[in-house]
Amino acid sequence: MPYIIVDPCVGVKDVSCVAVCPVDCIIGTDDDPMMFINPDECIDCGACLPECPVNAIFSEEEVPADQQAWIELNADYFRMDRGAFLAKHGTAIDAAKEKNRGSTHANPALYS
């Protein structure tokens, strides 16, 4: 089962997880407020887990009940064009970003 990035990453976008991924399956563009794990490329090694400062990465089977929607969101990022993805998930991403605004790990560059 692949690893999933859930809402604590939104507005933080710490890229420490990217550096340790042996298959480079964690990505995010400059326009994205978070990172995403490609479920078709993730090898389930778990190297990214200890690197996340906000504990936003879970194996798919361990994603908390209140974060289950992020499983589909992560997969859709890689399977949909950007416009369709944002139309479907933009509200959830924006809500998570606003929720995380006051986090000690919030990235000020993402809130300007």
PDB file of N, CA and C in Angstrom:
ATOM      1  N   MET A   1       0.851  -1.179   0.000  1.00  0.00           N
ATOM      2  CA  MET A   1       0.000   0.000   0.000  1.00  0.00           C
ATOM      3  C   MET A   1       0.899   1.245   0.000  1.00  0.00           C
ATOM      4  N   PRO A   2       0.561   2.225  -0.797  1.00  0.00           N
ATOM      5  CA  PRO A   2       1.384   3.433  -0.856  1.00  0.00           C
ATOM      6  C   PRO A   2       1.208   4.300   0.390  1.00  0.00           C
ATOM      7  N   TYR A   3       2.091   5.244   0.529  1.00  0.00           N
ATOM      8  CA  TYR A   3       1.973   6.235   1.587  1.00  0.00           C
ATOM      9  C   TYR A   3       1.165   7.403   1.059  1.00  0.00           C
ATOM     10  N   ILE A   4       0.489   8.092   1.968  1.00  0.00           N
ATOM     11  CA  ILE A   4      -0.421   9.176   1.640  1.00  0.00           C
ATOM     12  C   ILE A   4      -0.036  10.397   2.465  1.00  0.00           C
ATOM     13  N   ILE A   5      -0.080  11.563   1.842  1.00  0.00           N
ATOM     14  CA  ILE A   5       0.140  12.817   2.570  1.00  0.00           C
ATOM     15  C   ILE A   5      -1.227  13.431   2.837  1.00  0.00           C
ATOM     16  N   VAL A   6      -1.475  13.772   4.105  1.00  0.00           N
ATOM     17  CA  VAL A   6      -2.779  14.296   4.505  1.00  0.00           C
ATOM     18  C   VAL A   6      -2.682  15.775   4.892  1.00  0.00           C
ATOM     19  N   ASP A   7      -3.785  16.333   5.383  1.00  0.00           N
ATOM     20  CA  ASP A   7      -3.927  17.780   5.482  1.00  0.00           C
ATOM     21  C   ASP A   7      -2.915  18.565   6.321  1.00  0.00           C
ATOM     22  N   PRO A   8      -2.224  18.015   7.306  1.00  0.00           N
ATOM     23  CA  PRO A   8      -1.244  18.848   8.007  1.00  0.00           C
ATOM     24  C   PRO A   8      -0.117  19.379   7.119  1.00  0.00           C
ATOM     25  N   CYS A   9       0.090  18.776   5.954  1.00  0.00           N
ATOM     26  CA  CYS A   9       1.129  19.249   5.027  1.00  0.00           C
ATOM     27  C   CYS A   9       0.716  20.532   4.308  1.00  0.00           C
ATOM     28  N   VAL A  10      -0.587  20.741   4.152  1.00  0.00           N
ATOM     29  CA  VAL A  10      -1.076  21.881   3.373  1.00  0.00           C
ATOM     30  C   VAL A  10      -0.705  23.183   4.081  1.00  0.00           C
ATOM     31  N   GLY A  11      -0.006  24.024   3.358  1.00  0.00           N
ATOM     32  CA  GLY A  11       0.447  25.297   3.924  1.00  0.00           C
ATOM     33  C   GLY A  11       1.787  25.189   4.618  1.00  0.00           C
ATOM     34  N   VAL A  12       2.303  23.985   4.739  1.00  0.00           N
ATOM     35  CA  VAL A  12       3.620  23.743   5.334  1.00  0.00           C
ATOM     36  C   VAL A  12       4.600  23.401   4.213  1.00  0.00           C
ATOM     37  N   LYS A  13       4.281  22.350   3.485  1.00  0.00           N
ATOM     38  CA  LYS A  13       5.055  21.921   2.311  1.00  0.00           C
ATOM     39  C   LYS A  13       6.544  21.802   2.603  1.00  0.00           C
ATOM     40  N   ASP A  14       6.853  21.171   3.715  1.00  0.00           N
ATOM     41  CA  ASP A  14       8.244  20.869   4.032  1.00  0.00           C
ATOM     42  C   ASP A  14       8.700  19.779   3.067  1.00  0.00           C
ATOM     43  N   VAL A  15       9.834  19.974   2.437  1.00  0.00           N
ATOM     44  CA  VAL A  15      10.274  19.026   1.402  1.00  0.00           C
ATOM     45  C   VAL A  15      11.326  18.032   1.896  1.00  0.00           C
ATOM     46  N   SER A  16      11.475  17.885   3.191  1.00  0.00           N
ATOM     47  CA  SER A  16      12.439  16.924   3.736  1.00  0.00           C
ATOM     48  C   SER A  16      12.153  15.514   3.257  1.00  0.00           C
ATOM     49  N   CYS A  17      10.890  15.199   3.064  1.00  0.00           N
ATOM     50  CA  CYS A  17      10.502  13.860   2.609  1.00  0.00           C
ATOM     51  C   CYS A  17      11.009  13.578   1.194  1.00  0.00           C
ATOM     52  N   VAL A  18      11.079  14.602   0.374  1.00  0.00           N
ATOM     53  CA  VAL A  18      11.507  14.439  -1.016  1.00  0.00           C
ATOM     54  C   VAL A  18      12.955  13.951  -1.076  1.00  0.00           C
ATOM     55  N   ALA A  19      13.789  14.506  -0.250  1.00  0.00           N
ATOM     56  CA  ALA A  19      15.220  14.191  -0.274  1.00  0.00           C
ATOM     57  C   ALA A  19      15.520  12.733   0.051  1.00  0.00           C
ATOM     58  N   VAL A  20      14.668  12.089   0.830  1.00  0.00           N
ATOM     59  CA  VAL A  20      14.947  10.708   1.244  1.00  0.00           C
ATOM     60  C   VAL A  20      14.208   9.657   0.424  1.00  0.00           C
ATOM     61  N   CYS A  21      13.332  10.077  -0.456  1.00  0.00           N
ATOM     62  CA  CYS A  21      12.560   9.116  -1.243  1.00  0.00           C
ATOM     63  C   CYS A  21      13.461   8.473  -2.297  1.00  0.00           C
ATOM     64  N   PRO A  22      13.646   7.151  -2.239  1.00  0.00           N
ATOM     65  CA  PRO A  22      14.555   6.494  -3.175  1.00  0.00           C
ATOM     66  C   PRO A  22      14.027   6.395  -4.600  1.00  0.00           C
ATOM     67  N   VAL A  23      12.730   6.636  -4.797  1.00  0.00           N
ATOM     68  CA  VAL A  23      12.159   6.526  -6.149  1.00  0.00           C
ATOM     69  C   VAL A  23      11.592   7.856  -6.657  1.00  0.00           C
ATOM     70  N   ASP A  24      11.842   8.926  -5.937  1.00  0.00           N
ATOM     71  CA  ASP A  24      11.394  10.264  -6.356  1.00  0.00           C
ATOM     72  C   ASP A  24       9.901  10.315  -6.679  1.00  0.00           C
ATOM     73  N   CYS A  25       9.083   9.726  -5.827  1.00  0.00           N
ATOM     74  CA  CYS A  25       7.647   9.710  -6.091  1.00  0.00           C
ATOM     75  C   CYS A  25       6.894  10.805  -5.343  1.00  0.00           C
ATOM     76  N   ILE A  26       7.603  11.647  -4.597  1.00  0.00           N
ATOM     77  CA  ILE A  26       6.961  12.735  -3.853  1.00  0.00           C
ATOM     78  C   ILE A  26       7.218  14.027  -4.612  1.00  0.00           C
ATOM     79  N   ILE A  27       6.130  14.664  -5.034  1.00  0.00           N
ATOM     80  CA  ILE A  27       6.298  15.888  -5.815  1.00  0.00           C
ATOM     81  C   ILE A  27       5.297  16.955  -5.396  1.00  0.00           C
ATOM     82  N   GLY A  28       5.546  18.140  -5.863  1.00  0.00           N
ATOM     83  CA  GLY A  28       4.655  19.273  -5.709  1.00  0.00           C
ATOM     84  C   GLY A  28       5.224  20.394  -6.553  1.00  0.00           C
ATOM     85  N   THR A  29       4.391  21.069  -7.303  1.00  0.00           N
ATOM     86  CA  THR A  29       4.861  22.180  -8.119  1.00  0.00           C
ATOM     87  C   THR A  29       4.967  23.432  -7.258  1.00  0.00           C
ATOM     88  N   ASP A  30       5.537  24.467  -7.813  1.00  0.00           N
ATOM     89  CA  ASP A  30       5.620  25.737  -7.095  1.00  0.00           C
ATOM     90  C   ASP A  30       4.233  26.267  -6.741  1.00  0.00           C
ATOM     91  N   ASP A  31       3.234  25.905  -7.521  1.00  0.00           N
ATOM     92  CA  ASP A  31       1.864  26.375  -7.288  1.00  0.00           C
ATOM     93  C   ASP A  31       1.106  25.545  -6.260  1.00  0.00           C
ATOM     94  N   ASP A  32       1.650  24.416  -5.870  1.00  0.00           N
ATOM     95  CA  ASP A  32       0.971  23.542  -4.923  1.00  0.00           C
ATOM     96  C   ASP A  32       1.310  23.926  -3.484  1.00  0.00           C
ATOM     97  N   PRO A  33       0.308  23.943  -2.591  1.00  0.00           N
ATOM     98  CA  PRO A  33       0.572  24.268  -1.189  1.00  0.00           C
ATOM     99  C   PRO A  33       0.982  23.063  -0.353  1.00  0.00           C
ATOM    100  N   MET A  34       1.196  21.917  -1.000  1.00  0.00           N
ATOM    101  CA  MET A  34       1.568  20.693  -0.289  1.00  0.00           C
ATOM    102  C   MET A  34       2.326  19.781  -1.238  1.00  0.00           C
ATOM    103  N   MET A  35       2.816  18.682  -0.702  1.00  0.00           N
ATOM    104  CA  MET A  35       3.466  17.649  -1.497  1.00  0.00           C
ATOM    105  C   MET A  35       2.475  16.508  -1.701  1.00  0.00           C
ATOM    106  N   PHE A  36       2.727  15.702  -2.736  1.00  0.00           N
ATOM    107  CA  PHE A  36       1.870  14.567  -3.063  1.00  0.00           C
ATOM    108  C   PHE A  36       2.748  13.354  -3.339  1.00  0.00           C
ATOM    109  N   ILE A  37       2.258  12.166  -2.963  1.00  0.00           N
ATOM    110  CA  ILE A  37       2.968  10.916  -3.222  1.00  0.00           C
ATOM    111  C   ILE A  37       2.241  10.168  -4.328  1.00  0.00           C
ATOM    112  N   ASN A  38       2.980   9.834  -5.382  1.00  0.00           N
ATOM    113  CA  ASN A  38       2.390   9.099  -6.494  1.00  0.00           C
ATOM    114  C   ASN A  38       2.161   7.650  -6.051  1.00  0.00           C
ATOM    115  N   PRO A  39       0.895   7.226  -5.954  1.00  0.00           N
ATOM    116  CA  PRO A  39       0.614   5.874  -5.451  1.00  0.00           C
ATOM    117  C   PRO A  39       1.080   4.764  -6.386  1.00  0.00           C
ATOM    118  N   ASP A  40       1.274   5.087  -7.653  1.00  0.00           N
ATOM    119  CA  ASP A  40       1.728   4.075  -8.606  1.00  0.00           C
ATOM    120  C   ASP A  40       3.244   3.900  -8.588  1.00  0.00           C
ATOM    121  N   GLU A  41       3.953   4.837  -7.980  1.00  0.00           N
ATOM    122  CA  GLU A  41       5.413   4.769  -7.936  1.00  0.00           C
ATOM    123  C   GLU A  41       5.967   4.503  -6.543  1.00  0.00           C
ATOM    124  N   CYS A  42       5.174   4.764  -5.519  1.00  0.00           N
ATOM    125  CA  CYS A  42       5.615   4.557  -4.133  1.00  0.00           C
ATOM    126  C   CYS A  42       5.907   3.073  -3.907  1.00  0.00           C
ATOM    127  N   ILE A  43       7.073   2.787  -3.314  1.00  0.00           N
ATOM    128  CA  ILE A  43       7.468   1.397  -3.051  1.00  0.00           C
ATOM    129  C   ILE A  43       7.237   0.999  -1.591  1.00  0.00           C
ATOM    130  N   ASP A  44       6.535   1.831  -0.852  1.00  0.00           N
ATOM    131  CA  ASP A  44       6.144   1.523   0.526  1.00  0.00           C
ATOM    132  C   ASP A  44       7.337   1.313   1.464  1.00  0.00           C
ATOM    133  N   CYS A  45       8.410   2.046   1.230  1.00  0.00           N
ATOM    134  CA  CYS A  45       9.604   1.851   2.056  1.00  0.00           C
ATOM    135  C   CYS A  45       9.522   2.577   3.398  1.00  0.00           C
ATOM    136  N   GLY A  46       8.721   3.640   3.475  1.00  0.00           N
ATOM    137  CA  GLY A  46       8.565   4.381   4.717  1.00  0.00           C
ATOM    138  C   GLY A  46       9.677   5.351   5.041  1.00  0.00           C
ATOM    139  N   ALA A  47      10.611   5.561   4.136  1.00  0.00           N
ATOM    140  CA  ALA A  47      11.722   6.488   4.408  1.00  0.00           C
ATOM    141  C   ALA A  47      11.232   7.904   4.681  1.00  0.00           C
ATOM    142  N   CYS A  48      10.108   8.278   4.120  1.00  0.00           N
ATOM    143  CA  CYS A  48       9.577   9.632   4.269  1.00  0.00           C
ATOM    144  C   CYS A  48       8.959   9.889   5.645  1.00  0.00           C
ATOM    145  N   LEU A  49       8.483   8.852   6.307  1.00  0.00           N
ATOM    146  CA  LEU A  49       7.759   9.020   7.572  1.00  0.00           C
ATOM    147  C   LEU A  49       8.499   9.842   8.620  1.00  0.00           C
ATOM    148  N   PRO A  50       9.712   9.487   8.989  1.00  0.00           N
ATOM    149  CA  PRO A  50      10.372  10.238  10.057  1.00  0.00           C
ATOM    150  C   PRO A  50      10.800  11.650   9.648  1.00  0.00           C
ATOM    151  N   GLU A  51      10.769  11.946   8.367  1.00  0.00           N
ATOM    152  CA  GLU A  51      11.211  13.261   7.888  1.00  0.00           C
ATOM    153  C   GLU A  51      10.139  14.331   7.997  1.00  0.00           C
ATOM    154  N   CYS A  52       8.890  13.945   8.075  1.00  0.00           N
ATOM    155  CA  CYS A  52       7.789  14.912   8.082  1.00  0.00           C
ATOM    156  C   CYS A  52       7.655  15.577   9.451  1.00  0.00           C
ATOM    157  N   PRO A  53       7.846  16.908   9.519  1.00  0.00           N
ATOM    158  CA  PRO A  53       7.790  17.583  10.811  1.00  0.00           C
ATOM    159  C   PRO A  53       6.380  17.728  11.375  1.00  0.00           C
ATOM    160  N   VAL A  54       5.358  17.474  10.545  1.00  0.00           N
ATOM    161  CA  VAL A  54       3.981  17.636  11.010  1.00  0.00           C
ATOM    162  C   VAL A  54       3.205  16.314  11.008  1.00  0.00           C
ATOM    163  N   ASN A  55       3.912  15.204  10.864  1.00  0.00           N
ATOM    164  CA  ASN A  55       3.286  13.873  10.889  1.00  0.00           C
ATOM    165  C   ASN A  55       2.101  13.768   9.931  1.00  0.00           C
ATOM    166  N   ALA A  56       2.348  14.187   8.687  1.00  0.00           N
ATOM    167  CA  ALA A  56       1.287  14.197   7.676  1.00  0.00           C
ATOM    168  C   ALA A  56       1.355  13.010   6.729  1.00  0.00           C
ATOM    169  N   ILE A  57       2.249  12.063   6.975  1.00  0.00           N
ATOM    170  CA  ILE A  57       2.412  10.934   6.065  1.00  0.00           C
ATOM    171  C   ILE A  57       2.022   9.642   6.787  1.00  0.00           C
ATOM    172  N   PHE A  58       1.151   8.881   6.107  1.00  0.00           N
ATOM    173  CA  PHE A  58       0.669   7.620   6.662  1.00  0.00           C
ATOM    174  C   PHE A  58       0.669   6.560   5.572  1.00  0.00           C
ATOM    175  N   SER A  59       0.850   5.302   5.957  1.00  0.00           N
ATOM    176  CA  SER A  59       0.595   4.237   4.998  1.00  0.00           C
ATOM    177  C   SER A  59      -0.906   4.262   4.741  1.00  0.00           C
ATOM    178  N   GLU A  60      -1.290   3.861   3.545  1.00  0.00           N
ATOM    179  CA  GLU A  60      -2.706   3.965   3.167  1.00  0.00           C
ATOM    180  C   GLU A  60      -3.635   3.298   4.174  1.00  0.00           C
ATOM    181  N   GLU A  61      -3.238   2.139   4.681  1.00  0.00           N
ATOM    182  CA  GLU A  61      -4.117   1.436   5.622  1.00  0.00           C
ATOM    183  C   GLU A  61      -4.146   2.072   7.012  1.00  0.00           C
ATOM    184  N   GLU A  62      -3.268   3.020   7.278  1.00  0.00           N
ATOM    185  CA  GLU A  62      -3.227   3.677   8.587  1.00  0.00           C
ATOM    186  C   GLU A  62      -3.672   5.134   8.553  1.00  0.00           C
ATOM    187  N   VAL A  63      -4.192   5.598   7.422  1.00  0.00           N
ATOM    188  CA  VAL A  63      -4.691   6.976   7.344  1.00  0.00           C
ATOM    189  C   VAL A  63      -5.848   7.109   8.335  1.00  0.00           C
ATOM    190  N   PRO A  64      -5.805   8.113   9.209  1.00  0.00           N
ATOM    191  CA  PRO A  64      -6.880   8.287  10.195  1.00  0.00           C
ATOM    192  C   PRO A  64      -8.249   8.434   9.518  1.00  0.00           C
ATOM    193  N   ALA A  65      -9.281   8.037  10.222  1.00  0.00           N
ATOM    194  CA  ALA A  65     -10.638   8.064   9.677  1.00  0.00           C
ATOM    195  C   ALA A  65     -11.031   9.441   9.153  1.00  0.00           C
ATOM    196  N   ASP A  66     -10.631  10.488   9.868  1.00  0.00           N
ATOM    197  CA  ASP A  66     -11.018  11.838   9.440  1.00  0.00           C
ATOM    198  C   ASP A  66     -10.160  12.376   8.291  1.00  0.00           C
ATOM    199  N   GLN A  67      -9.210  11.575   7.820  1.00  0.00           N
ATOM    200  CA  GLN A  67      -8.323  11.984   6.732  1.00  0.00           C
ATOM    201  C   GLN A  67      -8.464  11.093   5.488  1.00  0.00           C
ATOM    202  N   GLN A  68      -9.437  10.204   5.477  1.00  0.00           N
ATOM    203  CA  GLN A  68      -9.599   9.242   4.393  1.00  0.00           C
ATOM    204  C   GLN A  68      -9.760   9.878   3.018  1.00  0.00           C
ATOM    205  N   ALA A  69     -10.359  11.050   2.943  1.00  0.00           N
ATOM    206  CA  ALA A  69     -10.561  11.722   1.650  1.00  0.00           C
ATOM    207  C   ALA A  69      -9.234  12.057   0.971  1.00  0.00           C
ATOM    208  N   TRP A  70      -8.153  12.139   1.747  1.00  0.00           N
ATOM    209  CA  TRP A  70      -6.850  12.490   1.180  1.00  0.00           C
ATOM    210  C   TRP A  70      -6.234  11.340   0.392  1.00  0.00           C
ATOM    211  N   ILE A  71      -6.734  10.128   0.572  1.00  0.00           N
ATOM    212  CA  ILE A  71      -6.256   8.999  -0.233  1.00  0.00           C
ATOM    213  C   ILE A  71      -6.631   9.242  -1.694  1.00  0.00           C
ATOM    214  N   GLU A  72      -7.895   9.531  -1.929  1.00  0.00           N
ATOM    215  CA  GLU A  72      -8.358   9.820  -3.289  1.00  0.00           C
ATOM    216  C   GLU A  72      -7.724  11.102  -3.822  1.00  0.00           C
ATOM    217  N   LEU A  73      -7.618  12.114  -2.974  1.00  0.00           N
ATOM    218  CA  LEU A  73      -7.033  13.389  -3.387  1.00  0.00           C
ATOM    219  C   LEU A  73      -5.608  13.188  -3.896  1.00  0.00           C
ATOM    220  N   ASN A  74      -4.795  12.448  -3.157  1.00  0.00           N
ATOM    221  CA  ASN A  74      -3.417  12.184  -3.589  1.00  0.00           C
ATOM    222  C   ASN A  74      -3.385  11.446  -4.915  1.00  0.00           C
ATOM    223  N   ALA A  75      -4.204  10.427  -5.088  1.00  0.00           N
ATOM    224  CA  ALA A  75      -4.234   9.665  -6.338  1.00  0.00           C
ATOM    225  C   ALA A  75      -4.712  10.538  -7.491  1.00  0.00           C
ATOM    226  N   ASP A  76      -5.745  11.339  -7.254  1.00  0.00           N
ATOM    227  CA  ASP A  76      -6.287  12.197  -8.312  1.00  0.00           C
ATOM    228  C   ASP A  76      -5.272  13.222  -8.801  1.00  0.00           C
ATOM    229  N   TYR A  77      -4.384  13.654  -7.937  1.00  0.00           N
ATOM    230  CA  TYR A  77      -3.359  14.625  -8.339  1.00  0.00           C
ATOM    231  C   TYR A  77      -2.569  14.098  -9.536  1.00  0.00           C
ATOM    232  N   PHE A  78      -2.342  12.816  -9.582  1.00  0.00           N
ATOM    233  CA  PHE A  78      -1.550  12.196 -10.642  1.00  0.00           C
ATOM    234  C   PHE A  78      -2.406  11.672 -11.796  1.00  0.00           C
ATOM    235  N   ARG A  79      -3.704  11.612 -11.610  1.00  0.00           N
ATOM    236  CA  ARG A  79      -4.577  11.010 -12.617  1.00  0.00           C
ATOM    237  C   ARG A  79      -5.494  12.006 -13.329  1.00  0.00           C
ATOM    238  N   MET A  80      -5.542  13.232 -12.854  1.00  0.00           N
ATOM    239  CA  MET A  80      -6.435  14.230 -13.440  1.00  0.00           C
ATOM    240  C   MET A  80      -5.623  15.413 -13.946  1.00  0.00           C
ATOM    241  N   ASP A  81      -6.187  16.147 -14.902  1.00  0.00           N
ATOM    242  CA  ASP A  81      -5.505  17.385 -15.279  1.00  0.00           C
ATOM    243  C   ASP A  81      -5.725  18.391 -14.152  1.00  0.00           C
ATOM    244  N   ARG A  82      -4.884  19.401 -14.114  1.00  0.00           N
ATOM    245  CA  ARG A  82      -4.872  20.338 -12.985  1.00  0.00           C
ATOM    246  C   ARG A  82      -6.230  21.018 -12.769  1.00  0.00           C
ATOM    247  N   GLY A  83      -6.865  21.438 -13.838  1.00  0.00           N
ATOM    248  CA  GLY A  83      -8.158  22.114 -13.707  1.00  0.00           C
ATOM    249  C   GLY A  83      -9.214  21.224 -13.075  1.00  0.00           C
ATOM    250  N   ALA A  84      -9.308  19.993 -13.543  1.00  0.00           N
ATOM    251  CA  ALA A  84     -10.279  19.054 -12.989  1.00  0.00           C
ATOM    252  C   ALA A  84      -9.936  18.713 -11.539  1.00  0.00           C
ATOM    253  N   PHE A  85      -8.648  18.558 -11.259  1.00  0.00           N
ATOM    254  CA  PHE A  85      -8.214  18.256  -9.892  1.00  0.00           C
ATOM    255  C   PHE A  85      -8.619  19.379  -8.943  1.00  0.00           C
ATOM    256  N   LEU A  86      -8.337  20.612  -9.324  1.00  0.00           N
ATOM    257  CA  LEU A  86      -8.680  21.752  -8.456  1.00  0.00           C
ATOM    258  C   LEU A  86     -10.180  21.945  -8.332  1.00  0.00           C
ATOM    259  N   ALA A  87     -10.917  21.661  -9.407  1.00  0.00           N
ATOM    260  CA  ALA A  87     -12.374  21.765  -9.327  1.00  0.00           C
ATOM    261  C   ALA A  87     -12.926  20.759  -8.311  1.00  0.00           C
ATOM    262  N   LYS A  88     -12.343  19.578  -8.280  1.00  0.00           N
ATOM    263  CA  LYS A  88     -12.816  18.526  -7.380  1.00  0.00           C
ATOM    264  C   LYS A  88     -12.307  18.688  -5.953  1.00  0.00           C
ATOM    265  N   HIS A  89     -11.031  19.082  -5.796  1.00  0.00           N
ATOM    266  CA  HIS A  89     -10.406  19.067  -4.470  1.00  0.00           C
ATOM    267  C   HIS A  89      -9.952  20.435  -3.951  1.00  0.00           C
ATOM    268  N   GLY A  90     -10.109  21.471  -4.749  1.00  0.00           N
ATOM    269  CA  GLY A  90      -9.615  22.786  -4.352  1.00  0.00           C
ATOM    270  C   GLY A  90     -10.193  23.290  -3.043  1.00  0.00           C
ATOM    271  N   THR A  91     -11.471  23.050  -2.813  1.00  0.00           N
ATOM    272  CA  THR A  91     -12.112  23.510  -1.582  1.00  0.00           C
ATOM    273  C   THR A  91     -11.502  22.832  -0.358  1.00  0.00           C
ATOM    274  N   ALA A  92     -11.250  21.535  -0.444  1.00  0.00           N
ATOM    275  CA  ALA A  92     -10.653  20.797   0.683  1.00  0.00           C
ATOM    276  C   ALA A  92      -9.224  21.274   0.938  1.00  0.00           C
ATOM    277  N   ILE A  93      -8.474  21.492  -0.121  1.00  0.00           N
ATOM    278  CA  ILE A  93      -7.091  21.970   0.029  1.00  0.00           C
ATOM    279  C   ILE A  93      -7.079  23.362   0.628  1.00  0.00           C
ATOM    280  N   ASP A  94      -7.945  24.245   0.140  1.00  0.00           N
ATOM    281  CA  ASP A  94      -8.004  25.610   0.683  1.00  0.00           C
ATOM    282  C   ASP A  94      -8.406  25.606   2.157  1.00  0.00           C
ATOM    283  N   ALA A  95      -9.346  24.750   2.524  1.00  0.00           N
ATOM    284  CA  ALA A  95      -9.785  24.662   3.924  1.00  0.00           C
ATOM    285  C   ALA A  95      -8.647  24.175   4.817  1.00  0.00           C
ATOM    286  N   ALA A  96      -7.900  23.180   4.351  1.00  0.00           N
ATOM    287  CA  ALA A  96      -6.770  22.672   5.137  1.00  0.00           C
ATOM    288  C   ALA A  96      -5.687  23.728   5.268  1.00  0.00           C
ATOM    289  N   LYS A  97      -5.444  24.458   4.199  1.00  0.00           N
ATOM    290  CA  LYS A  97      -4.434  25.515   4.243  1.00  0.00           C
ATOM    291  C   LYS A  97      -4.816  26.580   5.275  1.00  0.00           C
ATOM    292  N   GLU A  98      -6.065  26.958   5.278  1.00  0.00           N
ATOM    293  CA  GLU A  98      -6.528  27.955   6.246  1.00  0.00           C
ATOM    294  C   GLU A  98      -6.439  27.412   7.671  1.00  0.00           C
ATOM    295  N   LYS A  99      -6.795  26.152   7.847  1.00  0.00           N
ATOM    296  CA  LYS A  99      -6.723  25.517   9.169  1.00  0.00           C
ATOM    297  C   LYS A  99      -5.282  25.510   9.693  1.00  0.00           C
ATOM    298  N   ASN A 100      -4.315  25.325   8.791  1.00  0.00           N
ATOM    299  CA  ASN A 100      -2.913  25.222   9.184  1.00  0.00           C
ATOM    300  C   ASN A 100      -2.180  26.558   9.221  1.00  0.00           C
ATOM    301  N   ARG A 101      -2.870  27.633   8.901  1.00  0.00           N
ATOM    302  CA  ARG A 101      -2.247  28.960   8.844  1.00  0.00           C
ATOM    303  C   ARG A 101      -1.467  29.291  10.113  1.00  0.00           C
ATOM    304  N   GLY A 102      -1.984  28.973  11.262  1.00  0.00           N
ATOM    305  CA  GLY A 102      -1.344  29.319  12.525  1.00  0.00           C
ATOM    306  C   GLY A 102      -0.318  28.311  13.011  1.00  0.00           C
ATOM    307  N   SER A 103      -0.085  27.271  12.246  1.00  0.00           N
ATOM    308  CA  SER A 103       0.864  26.230  12.640  1.00  0.00           C
ATOM    309  C   SER A 103       2.279  26.806  12.765  1.00  0.00           C
ATOM    310  N   THR A 104       3.018  26.287  13.729  1.00  0.00           N
ATOM    311  CA  THR A 104       4.405  26.732  13.885  1.00  0.00           C
ATOM    312  C   THR A 104       5.255  26.326  12.685  1.00  0.00           C
ATOM    313  N   HIS A 105       4.754  25.371  11.909  1.00  0.00           N
ATOM    314  CA  HIS A 105       5.492  24.901  10.736  1.00  0.00           C
ATOM    315  C   HIS A 105       4.972  25.539   9.443  1.00  0.00           C
ATOM    316  N   ALA A 106       3.964  26.393   9.519  1.00  0.00           N
ATOM    317  CA  ALA A 106       3.397  27.009   8.317  1.00  0.00           C
ATOM    318  C   ALA A 106       4.498  27.745   7.543  1.00  0.00           C
ATOM    319  N   ASN A 107       4.458  27.608   6.245  1.00  0.00           N
ATOM    320  CA  ASN A 107       5.442  28.234   5.365  1.00  0.00           C
ATOM    321  C   ASN A 107       4.920  29.619   4.950  1.00  0.00           C
ATOM    322  N   PRO A 108       5.516  30.696   5.463  1.00  0.00           N
ATOM    323  CA  PRO A 108       5.000  32.043   5.164  1.00  0.00           C
ATOM    324  C   PRO A 108       4.926  32.338   3.661  1.00  0.00           C
ATOM    325  N   ALA A 109       5.794  31.749   2.874  1.00  0.00           N
ATOM    326  CA  ALA A 109       5.790  31.983   1.418  1.00  0.00           C
ATOM    327  C   ALA A 109       4.501  31.481   0.775  1.00  0.00           C
ATOM    328  N   LEU A 110       3.840  30.525   1.403  1.00  0.00           N
ATOM    329  CA  LEU A 110       2.597  29.978   0.852  1.00  0.00           C
ATOM    330  C   LEU A 110       1.379  30.794   1.231  1.00  0.00           C
ATOM    331  N   TYR A 111       1.569  31.780   2.091  1.00  0.00           N
ATOM    332  CA  TYR A 111       0.455  32.594   2.563  1.00  0.00           C
ATOM    333  C   TYR A 111       0.556  34.052   2.123  1.00  0.00           C
ATOM    334  N   SER A 112       1.428  34.332   1.195  1.00  0.00           N
ATOM    335  CA  SER A 112       1.565  35.731   0.768  1.00  0.00           C
ATOM    336  C   SER A 112       0.658  36.051  -0.393  1.00  0.00           C
TER     337      SER A 112
END
